[in-house]
Amino acid sequence: MGKILLTLFALALIFGQTNGVIQCGTDVLPKVKPCGGFVLGQDAKPTQDCCVGLQDLAKIAAASQSDRKDICICFKALMKAGQVNFKKAKQLPHLCNFTSFMPITPNPDCSK
């Protein structure tokens, strides 16, 4: 799992950077890294750190359309880099008690 997360981090730094204030490697990845075990199908439930990180990102996304778009672009890059179990990923808003700010699909439309 460490190898997968390192790959995700590298890809986020290389490909996932956005032009706005939100940066994938420093703002998004640390908040979603604890979710790796769950969305990769290794853990039965998300960790508390995962849920807190996603709740924080949801609050940021709700406050600004630009930030929401930047976060979505980061998620899109991360999802392409890993073997995300989308059935489990779609459970995160319910399990972590937050409103999803983007479609949880392999190729989300970040323009909305």
C-alpha atoms as a PDB file:
ATOM      1  CA  MET A   1       0.000   0.000   0.000  1.00  0.00           C
ATOM      2  CA  GLY A   2       2.884   2.363   0.704  1.00  0.00           C
ATOM      3  CA  LYS A   3       4.062   1.966  -2.867  1.00  0.00           C
ATOM      4  CA  ILE A   4       0.605   2.871  -4.184  1.00  0.00           C
ATOM      5  CA  LEU A   5       0.384   5.945  -1.975  1.00  0.00           C
ATOM      6  CA  LEU A   6       3.858   7.057  -3.007  1.00  0.00           C
ATOM      7  CA  THR A   7       2.819   6.700  -6.641  1.00  0.00           C
ATOM      8  CA  LEU A   8      -0.352   8.700  -5.975  1.00  0.00           C
ATOM      9  CA  PHE A   9       1.670  11.406  -4.268  1.00  0.00           C
ATOM     10  CA  ALA A  10       4.163  11.622  -7.123  1.00  0.00           C
ATOM     11  CA  LEU A  11       1.421  11.780  -9.729  1.00  0.00           C
ATOM     12  CA  ALA A  12      -0.432  14.420  -7.748  1.00  0.00           C
ATOM     13  CA  LEU A  13       2.684  16.550  -7.610  1.00  0.00           C
ATOM     14  CA  ILE A  14       3.509  16.096 -11.277  1.00  0.00           C
ATOM     15  CA  PHE A  15       0.118  16.070 -12.979  1.00  0.00           C
ATOM     16  CA  GLY A  16      -2.402  17.221 -10.430  1.00  0.00           C
ATOM     17  CA  GLN A  17      -1.270  20.737  -9.721  1.00  0.00           C
ATOM     18  CA  THR A  18      -3.861  23.393 -10.367  1.00  0.00           C
ATOM     19  CA  ASN A  19      -3.463  27.065 -11.127  1.00  0.00           C
ATOM     20  CA  GLY A  20      -5.590  28.179  -8.179  1.00  0.00           C
ATOM     21  CA  VAL A  21      -4.952  28.336  -4.485  1.00  0.00           C
ATOM     22  CA  ILE A  22      -5.646  24.623  -3.907  1.00  0.00           C
ATOM     23  CA  GLN A  23      -2.584  22.446  -4.524  1.00  0.00           C
ATOM     24  CA  CYS A  24      -2.966  18.699  -4.909  1.00  0.00           C
ATOM     25  CA  GLY A  25       0.238  17.667  -3.184  1.00  0.00           C
ATOM     26  CA  THR A  26      -0.073  19.944  -0.179  1.00  0.00           C
ATOM     27  CA  ASP A  27      -3.793  20.643   0.261  1.00  0.00           C
ATOM     28  CA  VAL A  28      -5.661  17.594  -1.038  1.00  0.00           C
ATOM     29  CA  LEU A  29      -3.399  14.543  -0.827  1.00  0.00           C
ATOM     30  CA  PRO A  30      -2.710  14.766   2.929  1.00  0.00           C
ATOM     31  CA  LYS A  31      -6.466  14.872   3.575  1.00  0.00           C
ATOM     32  CA  VAL A  32      -7.310  11.884   1.331  1.00  0.00           C
ATOM     33  CA  LYS A  33      -4.259   9.711   1.984  1.00  0.00           C
ATOM     34  CA  PRO A  34      -5.901   8.117   5.070  1.00  0.00           C
ATOM     35  CA  CYS A  35      -8.754   6.975   2.776  1.00  0.00           C
ATOM     36  CA  GLY A  36      -6.430   4.848   0.631  1.00  0.00           C
ATOM     37  CA  GLY A  37      -6.987   1.590   2.472  1.00  0.00           C
ATOM     38  CA  PHE A  38     -10.746   1.894   2.178  1.00  0.00           C
ATOM     39  CA  VAL A  39     -11.059   3.028  -1.458  1.00  0.00           C
ATOM     40  CA  LEU A  40      -8.451   0.511  -2.600  1.00  0.00           C
ATOM     41  CA  GLY A  41     -10.526  -2.254  -1.012  1.00  0.00           C
ATOM     42  CA  GLN A  42      -8.122  -3.173   1.804  1.00  0.00           C
ATOM     43  CA  ASP A  43     -10.059  -1.777   4.785  1.00  0.00           C
ATOM     44  CA  ALA A  44     -13.668  -2.527   5.742  1.00  0.00           C
ATOM     45  CA  LYS A  45     -14.392   1.047   6.790  1.00  0.00           C
ATOM     46  CA  PRO A  46     -12.788   4.476   6.413  1.00  0.00           C
ATOM     47  CA  THR A  47     -10.583   5.773   9.217  1.00  0.00           C
ATOM     48  CA  GLN A  48     -11.499   8.769  11.347  1.00  0.00           C
ATOM     49  CA  ASP A  49      -8.640  10.720   9.711  1.00  0.00           C
ATOM     50  CA  CYS A  50     -10.111   9.909   6.305  1.00  0.00           C
ATOM     51  CA  CYS A  51     -13.518  11.217   7.301  1.00  0.00           C
ATOM     52  CA  VAL A  52     -12.142  14.380   8.897  1.00  0.00           C
ATOM     53  CA  GLY A  53     -10.055  15.094   5.788  1.00  0.00           C
ATOM     54  CA  LEU A  54     -13.017  14.625   3.447  1.00  0.00           C
ATOM     55  CA  GLN A  55     -15.237  16.774   5.665  1.00  0.00           C
ATOM     56  CA  ASP A  56     -12.599  19.529   5.546  1.00  0.00           C
ATOM     57  CA  LEU A  57     -12.395  19.315   1.745  1.00  0.00           C
ATOM     58  CA  ALA A  58     -16.189  19.374   1.459  1.00  0.00           C
ATOM     59  CA  LYS A  59     -16.305  22.597   3.509  1.00  0.00           C
ATOM     60  CA  ILE A  60     -13.646  24.196   1.307  1.00  0.00           C
ATOM     61  CA  ALA A  61     -15.459  23.045  -1.851  1.00  0.00           C
ATOM     62  CA  ALA A  62     -18.793  24.399  -0.592  1.00  0.00           C
ATOM     63  CA  ALA A  63     -17.301  27.850  -0.022  1.00  0.00           C
ATOM     64  CA  SER A  64     -15.790  28.390  -3.461  1.00  0.00           C
ATOM     65  CA  GLN A  65     -16.592  27.127  -6.955  1.00  0.00           C
ATOM     66  CA  SER A  66     -12.967  27.663  -7.978  1.00  0.00           C
ATOM     67  CA  ASP A  67     -11.689  25.598  -5.054  1.00  0.00           C
ATOM     68  CA  ARG A  68     -14.318  22.918  -5.757  1.00  0.00           C
ATOM     69  CA  LYS A  69     -13.073  22.671  -9.342  1.00  0.00           C
ATOM     70  CA  ASP A  70      -9.431  22.498  -8.224  1.00  0.00           C
ATOM     71  CA  ILE A  71     -10.200  19.785  -5.663  1.00  0.00           C
ATOM     72  CA  CYS A  72     -12.143  17.826  -8.274  1.00  0.00           C
ATOM     73  CA  ILE A  73      -9.205  18.016 -10.694  1.00  0.00           C
ATOM     74  CA  CYS A  74      -6.923  16.673  -7.960  1.00  0.00           C
ATOM     75  CA  PHE A  75      -9.326  13.818  -7.187  1.00  0.00           C
ATOM     76  CA  LYS A  76      -9.590  13.016 -10.883  1.00  0.00           C
ATOM     77  CA  ALA A  77      -5.792  12.704 -11.171  1.00  0.00           C
ATOM     78  CA  LEU A  78      -5.595  10.582  -8.024  1.00  0.00           C
ATOM     79  CA  MET A  79      -8.386   8.278  -9.173  1.00  0.00           C
ATOM     80  CA  LYS A  80      -6.708   7.706 -12.528  1.00  0.00           C
ATOM     81  CA  ALA A  81      -3.437   6.840 -10.792  1.00  0.00           C
ATOM     82  CA  GLY A  82      -4.861   4.166  -8.503  1.00  0.00           C
ATOM     83  CA  GLN A  83      -7.207   1.232  -8.668  1.00  0.00           C
ATOM     84  CA  VAL A  84     -10.075   2.873  -6.830  1.00  0.00           C
ATOM     85  CA  ASN A  85     -13.020   0.700  -5.849  1.00  0.00           C
ATOM     86  CA  PHE A  86     -15.787   3.108  -6.872  1.00  0.00           C
ATOM     87  CA  LYS A  87     -18.466   1.072  -5.110  1.00  0.00           C
ATOM     88  CA  LYS A  88     -16.630   1.762  -1.839  1.00  0.00           C
ATOM     89  CA  ALA A  89     -15.702   5.340  -2.766  1.00  0.00           C
ATOM     90  CA  LYS A  90     -19.381   6.161  -3.353  1.00  0.00           C
ATOM     91  CA  GLN A  91     -20.085   5.121   0.259  1.00  0.00           C
ATOM     92  CA  LEU A  92     -17.748   7.762   1.706  1.00  0.00           C
ATOM     93  CA  PRO A  93     -20.223  10.689   1.865  1.00  0.00           C
ATOM     94  CA  HIS A  94     -22.650   8.544   3.870  1.00  0.00           C
ATOM     95  CA  LEU A  95     -20.024   6.824   6.042  1.00  0.00           C
ATOM     96  CA  CYS A  96     -18.146  10.060   6.752  1.00  0.00           C
ATOM     97  CA  ASN A  97     -21.198  12.306   7.038  1.00  0.00           C
ATOM     98  CA  PHE A  98     -20.481  14.931   4.368  1.00  0.00           C
ATOM     99  CA  THR A  99     -22.189  16.150   1.219  1.00  0.00           C
ATOM    100  CA  SER A 100     -20.339  15.066  -1.889  1.00  0.00           C
ATOM    101  CA  PHE A 101     -19.091  18.050  -3.859  1.00  0.00           C
ATOM    102  CA  MET A 102     -18.373  16.121  -7.069  1.00  0.00           C
ATOM    103  CA  PRO A 103     -19.507  13.005  -8.897  1.00  0.00           C
ATOM    104  CA  ILE A 104     -17.694   9.924  -7.624  1.00  0.00           C
ATOM    105  CA  THR A 105     -16.988   8.358 -10.999  1.00  0.00           C
ATOM    106  CA  PRO A 106     -13.843   7.253 -12.865  1.00  0.00           C
ATOM    107  CA  ASN A 107     -13.914  10.430 -14.976  1.00  0.00           C
ATOM    108  CA  PRO A 108     -15.800  13.198 -13.147  1.00  0.00           C
ATOM    109  CA  ASP A 109     -16.787  16.389 -14.932  1.00  0.00           C
ATOM    110  CA  CYS A 110     -14.988  19.036 -12.887  1.00  0.00           C
ATOM    111  CA  SER A 111     -16.488  21.951 -14.805  1.00  0.00           C
ATOM    112  CA  LYS A 112     -19.749  21.781 -12.834  1.00  0.00           C
END
